[in-house]
Amino acid sequence: MGALTKEYLTWKHLPPNTSELPRPPHSQPAETMVEPSSINYDFTTDVINIYSLDTSVHISHSAESKSPNINLVHTGYLRTSPDSPSLAFSLQTLELY
């Protein structure tokens, strides 16, 4: 089963208001770790969501995350293309269609 499929199923069965991704623990030794506040992998993307009418969403993304697309699906959005996407649709919107 693909990683996006697994994340979709996780999102689908999450209770409401639990879309925030837990950040995995750092795997590097403490002496080689970079201060977490100095690196920010979070991003904002334009979205279409007919339920909330949001036009953009901020996605938390840690250095240990496999893919920004997986974080988006976990949060309830799917990008329109895998490379250099500029838009994401909410999974609720897609389910309604």
PDB file of N, CA and C in Angstrom:
ATOM      1  N   MET A   1       0.857  -1.175   0.000  1.00  0.00           N
ATOM      2  CA  MET A   1       0.000   0.000   0.000  1.00  0.00           C
ATOM      3  C   MET A   1       0.899   1.232   0.000  1.00  0.00           C
ATOM      4  N   GLY A   2       0.588   2.202  -0.833  1.00  0.00           N
ATOM      5  CA  GLY A   2       1.387   3.410  -0.942  1.00  0.00           C
ATOM      6  C   GLY A   2       1.294   4.298   0.288  1.00  0.00           C
ATOM      7  N   ALA A   3       2.308   5.127   0.472  1.00  0.00           N
ATOM      8  CA  ALA A   3       2.357   6.018   1.634  1.00  0.00           C
ATOM      9  C   ALA A   3       1.197   7.006   1.640  1.00  0.00           C
ATOM     10  N   LEU A   4       0.833   7.539   0.461  1.00  0.00           N
ATOM     11  CA  LEU A   4      -0.301   8.475   0.417  1.00  0.00           C
ATOM     12  C   LEU A   4      -1.611   7.781   0.765  1.00  0.00           C
ATOM     13  N   THR A   5      -1.764   6.535   0.341  1.00  0.00           N
ATOM     14  CA  THR A   5      -2.967   5.779   0.674  1.00  0.00           C
ATOM     15  C   THR A   5      -3.067   5.563   2.172  1.00  0.00           C
ATOM     16  N   LYS A   6      -1.949   5.197   2.788  1.00  0.00           N
ATOM     17  CA  LYS A   6      -1.934   5.005   4.245  1.00  0.00           C
ATOM     18  C   LYS A   6      -2.304   6.300   4.972  1.00  0.00           C
ATOM     19  N   GLU A   7      -1.749   7.416   4.520  1.00  0.00           N
ATOM     20  CA  GLU A   7      -2.063   8.693   5.163  1.00  0.00           C
ATOM     21  C   GLU A   7      -3.519   9.084   4.949  1.00  0.00           C
ATOM     22  N   TYR A   8      -4.062   8.799   3.779  1.00  0.00           N
ATOM     23  CA  TYR A   8      -5.480   9.085   3.533  1.00  0.00           C
ATOM     24  C   TYR A   8      -6.344   8.280   4.503  1.00  0.00           C
ATOM     25  N   LEU A   9      -6.041   7.010   4.665  1.00  0.00           N
ATOM     26  CA  LEU A   9      -6.823   6.176   5.583  1.00  0.00           C
ATOM     27  C   LEU A   9      -6.673   6.652   7.025  1.00  0.00           C
ATOM     28  N   THR A  10      -5.474   7.090   7.393  1.00  0.00           N
ATOM     29  CA  THR A  10      -5.267   7.659   8.727  1.00  0.00           C
ATOM     30  C   THR A  10      -6.114   8.913   8.902  1.00  0.00           C
ATOM     31  N   TRP A  11      -6.077   9.809   7.908  1.00  0.00           N
ATOM     32  CA  TRP A  11      -6.872  11.036   7.969  1.00  0.00           C
ATOM     33  C   TRP A  11      -8.356  10.712   8.046  1.00  0.00           C
ATOM     34  N   LYS A  12      -8.795   9.762   7.263  1.00  0.00           N
ATOM     35  CA  LYS A  12     -10.211   9.414   7.173  1.00  0.00           C
ATOM     36  C   LYS A  12     -10.749   8.927   8.509  1.00  0.00           C
ATOM     37  N   HIS A  13      -9.921   8.274   9.290  1.00  0.00           N
ATOM     38  CA  HIS A  13     -10.384   7.682  10.538  1.00  0.00           C
ATOM     39  C   HIS A  13      -9.936   8.435  11.788  1.00  0.00           C
ATOM     40  N   LEU A  14      -9.387   9.634  11.603  1.00  0.00           N
ATOM     41  CA  LEU A  14      -9.035  10.476  12.746  1.00  0.00           C
ATOM     42  C   LEU A  14     -10.289  11.125  13.303  1.00  0.00           C
ATOM     43  N   PRO A  15     -10.353  11.292  14.612  1.00  0.00           N
ATOM     44  CA  PRO A  15     -11.459  12.083  15.166  1.00  0.00           C
ATOM     45  C   PRO A  15     -11.327  13.534  14.703  1.00  0.00           C
ATOM     46  N   PRO A  16     -12.402  14.305  14.675  1.00  0.00           N
ATOM     47  CA  PRO A  16     -12.336  15.712  14.249  1.00  0.00           C
ATOM     48  C   PRO A  16     -11.321  16.500  15.077  1.00  0.00           C
ATOM     49  N   ASN A  17     -10.733  17.517  14.428  1.00  0.00           N
ATOM     50  CA  ASN A  17      -9.799  18.450  15.076  1.00  0.00           C
ATOM     51  C   ASN A  17      -8.501  17.802  15.536  1.00  0.00           C
ATOM     52  N   THR A  18      -8.047  16.736  14.859  1.00  0.00           N
ATOM     53  CA  THR A  18      -6.761  16.131  15.211  1.00  0.00           C
ATOM     54  C   THR A  18      -5.885  16.048  13.975  1.00  0.00           C
ATOM     55  N   SER A  19      -5.916  17.066  13.165  1.00  0.00           N
ATOM     56  CA  SER A  19      -5.165  17.020  11.914  1.00  0.00           C
ATOM     57  C   SER A  19      -3.702  17.410  12.078  1.00  0.00           C
ATOM     58  N   GLU A  20      -3.285  17.832  13.258  1.00  0.00           N
ATOM     59  CA  GLU A  20      -1.893  18.226  13.461  1.00  0.00           C
ATOM     60  C   GLU A  20      -1.003  16.989  13.519  1.00  0.00           C
ATOM     61  N   LEU A  21       0.029  16.981  12.701  1.00  0.00           N
ATOM     62  CA  LEU A  21       0.958  15.858  12.660  1.00  0.00           C
ATOM     63  C   LEU A  21       1.866  15.859  13.879  1.00  0.00           C
ATOM     64  N   PRO A  22       2.002  14.732  14.573  1.00  0.00           N
ATOM     65  CA  PRO A  22       3.013  14.679  15.624  1.00  0.00           C
ATOM     66  C   PRO A  22       4.396  14.671  14.995  1.00  0.00           C
ATOM     67  N   ARG A  23       5.302  15.394  15.572  1.00  0.00           N
ATOM     68  CA  ARG A  23       6.655  15.426  15.029  1.00  0.00           C
ATOM     69  C   ARG A  23       7.450  14.282  15.630  1.00  0.00           C
ATOM     70  N   PRO A  24       8.089  13.456  14.771  1.00  0.00           N
ATOM     71  CA  PRO A  24       8.871  12.333  15.276  1.00  0.00           C
ATOM     72  C   PRO A  24      10.093  12.816  16.041  1.00  0.00           C
ATOM     73  N   PRO A  25      10.582  12.002  16.984  1.00  0.00           N
ATOM     74  CA  PRO A  25      11.776  12.404  17.735  1.00  0.00           C
ATOM     75  C   PRO A  25      12.989  12.460  16.819  1.00  0.00           C
ATOM     76  N   HIS A  26      13.938  13.298  17.196  1.00  0.00           N
ATOM     77  CA  HIS A  26      15.164  13.422  16.410  1.00  0.00           C
ATOM     78  C   HIS A  26      15.997  12.149  16.549  1.00  0.00           C
ATOM     79  N   SER A  27      16.594  11.719  15.465  1.00  0.00           N
ATOM     80  CA  SER A  27      17.385  10.495  15.486  1.00  0.00           C
ATOM     81  C   SER A  27      18.882  10.776  15.564  1.00  0.00           C
ATOM     82  N   GLN A  28      19.272  12.046  15.501  1.00  0.00           N
ATOM     83  CA  GLN A  28      20.686  12.397  15.570  1.00  0.00           C
ATOM     84  C   GLN A  28      21.134  12.496  17.023  1.00  0.00           C
ATOM     85  N   PRO A  29      22.412  12.219  17.306  1.00  0.00           N
ATOM     86  CA  PRO A  29      22.930  12.428  18.653  1.00  0.00           C
ATOM     87  C   PRO A  29      22.828  13.901  19.038  1.00  0.00           C
ATOM     88  N   ALA A  30      22.687  14.170  20.311  1.00  0.00           N
ATOM     89  CA  ALA A  30      22.461  15.532  20.788  1.00  0.00           C
ATOM     90  C   ALA A  30      23.569  16.493  20.372  1.00  0.00           C
ATOM     91  N   GLU A  31      24.827  16.031  20.361  1.00  0.00           N
ATOM     92  CA  GLU A  31      25.931  16.952  20.041  1.00  0.00           C
ATOM     93  C   GLU A  31      25.956  17.351  18.564  1.00  0.00           C
ATOM     94  N   THR A  32      25.300  16.588  17.674  1.00  0.00           N
ATOM     95  CA  THR A  32      25.296  16.936  16.254  1.00  0.00           C
ATOM     96  C   THR A  32      23.967  17.535  15.793  1.00  0.00           C
ATOM     97  N   MET A  33      23.024  17.656  16.701  1.00  0.00           N
ATOM     98  CA  MET A  33      21.718  18.186  16.337  1.00  0.00           C
ATOM     99  C   MET A  33      21.790  19.684  16.077  1.00  0.00           C
ATOM    100  N   VAL A  34      21.059  20.118  15.081  1.00  0.00           N
ATOM    101  CA  VAL A  34      20.903  21.538  14.805  1.00  0.00           C
ATOM    102  C   VAL A  34      19.718  22.014  15.620  1.00  0.00           C
ATOM    103  N   GLU A  35      19.812  23.180  16.164  1.00  0.00           N
ATOM    104  CA  GLU A  35      18.720  23.728  16.958  1.00  0.00           C
ATOM    105  C   GLU A  35      17.426  23.689  16.139  1.00  0.00           C
ATOM    106  N   PRO A  36      16.356  23.004  16.632  1.00  0.00           N
ATOM    107  CA  PRO A  36      15.118  22.871  15.852  1.00  0.00           C
ATOM    108  C   PRO A  36      14.531  24.203  15.404  1.00  0.00           C
ATOM    109  N   SER A  37      14.698  25.245  16.195  1.00  0.00           N
ATOM    110  CA  SER A  37      14.119  26.531  15.822  1.00  0.00           C
ATOM    111  C   SER A  37      14.867  27.188  14.659  1.00  0.00           C
ATOM    112  N   SER A  38      16.093  26.712  14.355  1.00  0.00           N
ATOM    113  CA  SER A  38      16.853  27.343  13.280  1.00  0.00           C
ATOM    114  C   SER A  38      16.493  26.801  11.900  1.00  0.00           C
ATOM    115  N   ILE A  39      15.828  25.655  11.846  1.00  0.00           N
ATOM    116  CA  ILE A  39      15.416  25.082  10.569  1.00  0.00           C
ATOM    117  C   ILE A  39      13.900  24.966  10.560  1.00  0.00           C
ATOM    118  N   ASN A  40      13.286  25.497   9.529  1.00  0.00           N
ATOM    119  CA  ASN A  40      11.833  25.458   9.440  1.00  0.00           C
ATOM    120  C   ASN A  40      11.438  24.856   8.096  1.00  0.00           C
ATOM    121  N   TYR A  41      10.808  23.700   8.140  1.00  0.00           N
ATOM    122  CA  TYR A  41      10.366  23.020   6.928  1.00  0.00           C
ATOM    123  C   TYR A  41       8.877  23.224   6.668  1.00  0.00           C
ATOM    124  N   ASP A  42       8.210  23.980   7.517  1.00  0.00           N
ATOM    125  CA  ASP A  42       6.788  24.242   7.341  1.00  0.00           C
ATOM    126  C   ASP A  42       6.560  25.018   6.051  1.00  0.00           C
ATOM    127  N   PHE A  43       5.358  24.908   5.496  1.00  0.00           N
ATOM    128  CA  PHE A  43       5.051  25.628   4.270  1.00  0.00           C
ATOM    129  C   PHE A  43       3.571  25.989   4.228  1.00  0.00           C
ATOM    130  N   THR A  44       3.262  26.935   3.379  1.00  0.00           N
ATOM    131  CA  THR A  44       1.885  27.364   3.156  1.00  0.00           C
ATOM    132  C   THR A  44       1.567  27.131   1.689  1.00  0.00           C
ATOM    133  N   THR A  45       0.368  26.644   1.422  1.00  0.00           N
ATOM    134  CA  THR A  45      -0.038  26.394   0.047  1.00  0.00           C
ATOM    135  C   THR A  45      -1.467  26.882  -0.174  1.00  0.00           C
ATOM    136  N   ASP A  46      -1.776  27.269  -1.392  1.00  0.00           N
ATOM    137  CA  ASP A  46      -3.136  27.671  -1.744  1.00  0.00           C
ATOM    138  C   ASP A  46      -4.015  26.430  -1.803  1.00  0.00           C
ATOM    139  N   VAL A  47      -5.263  26.572  -1.335  1.00  0.00           N
ATOM    140  CA  VAL A  47      -6.175  25.428  -1.289  1.00  0.00           C
ATOM    141  C   VAL A  47      -7.566  25.810  -1.768  1.00  0.00           C
ATOM    142  N   ILE A  48      -8.328  24.784  -2.115  1.00  0.00           N
ATOM    143  CA  ILE A  48      -9.757  24.924  -2.373  1.00  0.00           C
ATOM    144  C   ILE A  48     -10.463  24.018  -1.384  1.00  0.00           C
ATOM    145  N   ASN A  49     -11.266  24.629  -0.529  1.00  0.00           N
ATOM    146  CA  ASN A  49     -12.000  23.892   0.488  1.00  0.00           C
ATOM    147  C   ASN A  49     -13.392  24.497   0.577  1.00  0.00           C
ATOM    148  N   ILE A  50     -14.393  23.792   0.048  1.00  0.00           N
ATOM    149  CA  ILE A  50     -15.740  24.363   0.024  1.00  0.00           C
ATOM    150  C   ILE A  50     -16.422  24.313   1.385  1.00  0.00           C
ATOM    151  N   TYR A  51     -15.860  23.593   2.350  1.00  0.00           N
ATOM    152  CA  TYR A  51     -16.447  23.526   3.684  1.00  0.00           C
ATOM    153  C   TYR A  51     -15.994  24.681   4.565  1.00  0.00           C
ATOM    154  N   SER A  52     -14.700  24.983   4.545  1.00  0.00           N
ATOM    155  CA  SER A  52     -14.182  26.061   5.399  1.00  0.00           C
ATOM    156  C   SER A  52     -13.989  27.366   4.637  1.00  0.00           C
ATOM    157  N   LEU A  53     -13.995  27.302   3.311  1.00  0.00           N
ATOM    158  CA  LEU A  53     -13.743  28.453   2.446  1.00  0.00           C
ATOM    159  C   LEU A  53     -12.341  29.038   2.638  1.00  0.00           C
ATOM    160  N   ASP A  54     -11.444  28.238   3.194  1.00  0.00           N
ATOM    161  CA  ASP A  54     -10.042  28.667   3.322  1.00  0.00           C
ATOM    162  C   ASP A  54      -9.424  28.779   1.935  1.00  0.00           C
ATOM    163  N   THR A  55      -8.528  29.730   1.771  1.00  0.00           N
ATOM    164  CA  THR A  55      -7.835  29.886   0.497  1.00  0.00           C
ATOM    165  C   THR A  55      -6.366  29.484   0.593  1.00  0.00           C
ATOM    166  N   SER A  56      -5.875  29.305   1.814  1.00  0.00           N
ATOM    167  CA  SER A  56      -4.513  28.809   2.008  1.00  0.00           C
ATOM    168  C   SER A  56      -4.463  28.067   3.337  1.00  0.00           C
ATOM    169  N   VAL A  57      -3.468  27.211   3.456  1.00  0.00           N
ATOM    170  CA  VAL A  57      -3.302  26.434   4.682  1.00  0.00           C
ATOM    171  C   VAL A  57      -1.812  26.324   4.999  1.00  0.00           C
ATOM    172  N   HIS A  58      -1.496  26.398   6.292  1.00  0.00           N
ATOM    173  CA  HIS A  58      -0.120  26.254   6.760  1.00  0.00           C
ATOM    174  C   HIS A  58       0.074  24.805   7.194  1.00  0.00           C
ATOM    175  N   ILE A  59       1.095  24.151   6.660  1.00  0.00           N
ATOM    176  CA  ILE A  59       1.357  22.740   6.932  1.00  0.00           C
ATOM    177  C   ILE A  59       2.658  22.602   7.703  1.00  0.00           C
ATOM    178  N   SER A  60       2.594  21.887   8.826  1.00  0.00           N
ATOM    179  CA  SER A  60       3.798  21.590   9.594  1.00  0.00           C
ATOM    180  C   SER A  60       4.528  20.440   8.924  1.00  0.00           C
ATOM    181  N   HIS A  61       5.834  20.611   8.750  1.00  0.00           N
ATOM    182  CA  HIS A  61       6.640  19.605   8.063  1.00  0.00           C
ATOM    183  C   HIS A  61       7.991  19.533   8.738  1.00  0.00           C
ATOM    184  N   SER A  62       8.314  18.394   9.328  1.00  0.00           N
ATOM    185  CA  SER A  62       9.594  18.256  10.018  1.00  0.00           C
ATOM    186  C   SER A  62      10.649  17.694   9.070  1.00  0.00           C
ATOM    187  N   ALA A  63      11.885  17.788   9.477  1.00  0.00           N
ATOM    188  CA  ALA A  63      12.992  17.280   8.659  1.00  0.00           C
ATOM    189  C   ALA A  63      12.904  15.763   8.494  1.00  0.00           C
ATOM    190  N   GLU A  64      12.271  15.075   9.444  1.00  0.00           N
ATOM    191  CA  GLU A  64      12.162  13.619   9.393  1.00  0.00           C
ATOM    192  C   GLU A  64      10.975  13.148   8.556  1.00  0.00           C
ATOM    193  N   SER A  65      10.104  14.045   8.146  1.00  0.00           N
ATOM    194  CA  SER A  65       8.937  13.667   7.351  1.00  0.00           C
ATOM    195  C   SER A  65       9.373  13.118   6.004  1.00  0.00           C
ATOM    196  N   LYS A  66       8.632  12.136   5.502  1.00  0.00           N
ATOM    197  CA  LYS A  66       8.986  11.514   4.230  1.00  0.00           C
ATOM    198  C   LYS A  66       8.733  12.440   3.051  1.00  0.00           C
ATOM    199  N   SER A  67       7.639  13.191   3.093  1.00  0.00           N
ATOM    200  CA  SER A  67       7.267  13.998   1.936  1.00  0.00           C
ATOM    201  C   SER A  67       6.283  15.082   2.349  1.00  0.00           C
ATOM    202  N   PRO A  68       6.374  16.259   1.745  1.00  0.00           N
ATOM    203  CA  PRO A  68       5.365  17.285   2.017  1.00  0.00           C
ATOM    204  C   PRO A  68       3.968  16.819   1.593  1.00  0.00           C
ATOM    205  N   ASN A  69       3.891  16.008   0.540  1.00  0.00           N
ATOM    206  CA  ASN A  69       2.587  15.511   0.095  1.00  0.00           C
ATOM    207  C   ASN A  69       1.936  14.614   1.140  1.00  0.00           C
ATOM    208  N   ILE A  70       2.732  13.836   1.846  1.00  0.00           N
ATOM    209  CA  ILE A  70       2.191  12.987   2.908  1.00  0.00           C
ATOM    210  C   ILE A  70       1.660  13.842   4.043  1.00  0.00           C
ATOM    211  N   ASN A  71       2.384  14.900   4.393  1.00  0.00           N
ATOM    212  CA  ASN A  71       1.901  15.811   5.438  1.00  0.00           C
ATOM    213  C   ASN A  71       0.604  16.482   5.015  1.00  0.00           C
ATOM    214  N   LEU A  72       0.503  16.859   3.742  1.00  0.00           N
ATOM    215  CA  LEU A  72      -0.728  17.466   3.242  1.00  0.00           C
ATOM    216  C   LEU A  72      -1.906  16.511   3.347  1.00  0.00           C
ATOM    217  N   VAL A  73      -1.725  15.276   2.927  1.00  0.00           N
ATOM    218  CA  VAL A  73      -2.812  14.298   3.003  1.00  0.00           C
ATOM    219  C   VAL A  73      -3.202  14.060   4.449  1.00  0.00           C
ATOM    220  N   HIS A  74      -2.221  13.993   5.337  1.00  0.00           N
ATOM    221  CA  HIS A  74      -2.518  13.809   6.763  1.00  0.00           C
ATOM    222  C   HIS A  74      -3.347  14.971   7.299  1.00  0.00           C
ATOM    223  N   THR A  75      -3.136  16.139   6.754  1.00  0.00           N
ATOM    224  CA  THR A  75      -3.868  17.333   7.176  1.00  0.00           C
ATOM    225  C   THR A  75      -5.205  17.460   6.465  1.00  0.00           C
ATOM    226  N   GLY A  76      -5.426  16.654   5.421  1.00  0.00           N
ATOM    227  CA  GLY A  76      -6.716  16.657   4.742  1.00  0.00           C
ATOM    228  C   GLY A  76      -6.720  17.328   3.388  1.00  0.00           C
ATOM    229  N   TYR A  77      -5.557  17.417   2.734  1.00  0.00           N
ATOM    230  CA  TYR A  77      -5.460  18.061   1.425  1.00  0.00           C
ATOM    231  C   TYR A  77      -4.667  17.195   0.459  1.00  0.00           C
ATOM    232  N   LEU A  78      -4.936  17.338  -0.824  1.00  0.00           N
ATOM    233  CA  LEU A  78      -4.227  16.623  -1.865  1.00  0.00           C
ATOM    234  C   LEU A  78      -3.800  17.623  -2.920  1.00  0.00           C
ATOM    235  N   ARG A  79      -2.522  17.629  -3.237  1.00  0.00           N
ATOM    236  CA  ARG A  79      -1.996  18.561  -4.242  1.00  0.00           C
ATOM    237  C   ARG A  79      -2.434  18.148  -5.631  1.00  0.00           C
ATOM    238  N   THR A  80      -2.430  19.123  -6.540  1.00  0.00           N
ATOM    239  CA  THR A  80      -2.883  18.876  -7.909  1.00  0.00           C
ATOM    240  C   THR A  80      -1.824  18.210  -8.776  1.00  0.00           C
ATOM    241  N   SER A  81      -0.561  18.265  -8.378  1.00  0.00           N
ATOM    242  CA  SER A  81       0.503  17.589  -9.117  1.00  0.00           C
ATOM    243  C   SER A  81       1.632  17.270  -8.140  1.00  0.00           C
ATOM    244  N   PRO A  82       2.415  16.228  -8.427  1.00  0.00           N
ATOM    245  CA  PRO A  82       3.470  15.844  -7.488  1.00  0.00           C
ATOM    246  C   PRO A  82       4.683  16.772  -7.494  1.00  0.00           C
ATOM    247  N   ASP A  83       4.970  17.421  -8.626  1.00  0.00           N
ATOM    248  CA  ASP A  83       6.141  18.291  -8.730  1.00  0.00           C
ATOM    249  C   ASP A  83       5.711  19.749  -8.864  1.00  0.00           C
ATOM    250  N   SER A  84       6.228  20.587  -8.017  1.00  0.00           N
ATOM    251  CA  SER A  84       5.958  22.027  -8.035  1.00  0.00           C
ATOM    252  C   SER A  84       4.476  22.376  -8.106  1.00  0.00           C
ATOM    253  N   PRO A  85       3.670  21.809  -7.221  1.00  0.00           N
ATOM    254  CA  PRO A  85       2.243  22.140  -7.251  1.00  0.00           C
ATOM    255  C   PRO A  85       1.994  23.536  -6.702  1.00  0.00           C
ATOM    256  N   SER A  86       0.942  24.147  -7.143  1.00  0.00           N
ATOM    257  CA  SER A  86       0.596  25.476  -6.656  1.00  0.00           C
ATOM    258  C   SER A  86      -0.764  25.487  -5.977  1.00  0.00           C
ATOM    259  N   LEU A  87      -1.438  24.343  -5.924  1.00  0.00           N
ATOM    260  CA  LEU A  87      -2.798  24.286  -5.400  1.00  0.00           C
ATOM    261  C   LEU A  87      -3.057  22.914  -4.806  1.00  0.00           C
ATOM    262  N   ALA A  88      -3.905  22.879  -3.764  1.00  0.00           N
ATOM    263  CA  ALA A  88      -4.330  21.609  -3.170  1.00  0.00           C
ATOM    264  C   ALA A  88      -5.834  21.672  -2.928  1.00  0.00           C
ATOM    265  N   PHE A  89      -6.486  20.538  -3.083  1.00  0.00           N
ATOM    266  CA  PHE A  89      -7.918  20.420  -2.805  1.00  0.00           C
ATOM    267  C   PHE A  89      -8.102  19.720  -1.469  1.00  0.00           C
ATOM    268  N   SER A  90      -9.126  20.134  -0.712  1.00  0.00           N
ATOM    269  CA  SER A  90      -9.415  19.415   0.522  1.00  0.00           C
ATOM    270  C   SER A  90      -9.990  18.049   0.160  1.00  0.00           C
ATOM    271  N   LEU A  91      -9.654  17.052   0.962  1.00  0.00           N
ATOM    272  CA  LEU A  91     -10.171  15.713   0.723  1.00  0.00           C
ATOM    273  C   LEU A  91     -11.685  15.667   0.884  1.00  0.00           C
ATOM    274  N   GLN A  92     -12.226  16.500   1.788  1.00  0.00           N
ATOM    275  CA  GLN A  92     -13.689  16.585   1.928  1.00  0.00           C
ATOM    276  C   GLN A  92     -14.335  17.082   0.656  1.00  0.00           C
ATOM    277  N   THR A  93     -13.725  18.071   0.028  1.00  0.00           N
ATOM    278  CA  THR A  93     -14.250  18.601  -1.233  1.00  0.00           C
ATOM    279  C   THR A  93     -14.228  17.523  -2.308  1.00  0.00           C
ATOM    280  N   LEU A  94     -13.136  16.775  -2.382  1.00  0.00           N
ATOM    281  CA  LEU A  94     -13.041  15.699  -3.365  1.00  0.00           C
ATOM    282  C   LEU A  94     -14.053  14.584  -3.091  1.00  0.00           C
ATOM    283  N   GLU A  95     -14.281  14.278  -1.816  1.00  0.00           N
ATOM    284  CA  GLU A  95     -15.266  13.253  -1.474  1.00  0.00           C
ATOM    285  C   GLU A  95     -16.681  13.686  -1.869  1.00  0.00           C
ATOM    286  N   LEU A  96     -16.967  14.962  -1.743  1.00  0.00           N
ATOM    287  CA  LEU A  96     -18.291  15.452  -2.129  1.00  0.00           C
ATOM    288  C   LEU A  96     -18.520  15.316  -3.623  1.00  0.00           C
ATOM    289  N   TYR A  97     -17.468  15.563  -4.397  1.00  0.00           N
ATOM    290  CA  TYR A  97     -17.572  15.463  -5.843  1.00  0.00           C
ATOM    291  C   TYR A  97     -17.853  14.032  -6.239  1.00  0.00           C
TER     292      TYR A  97
END
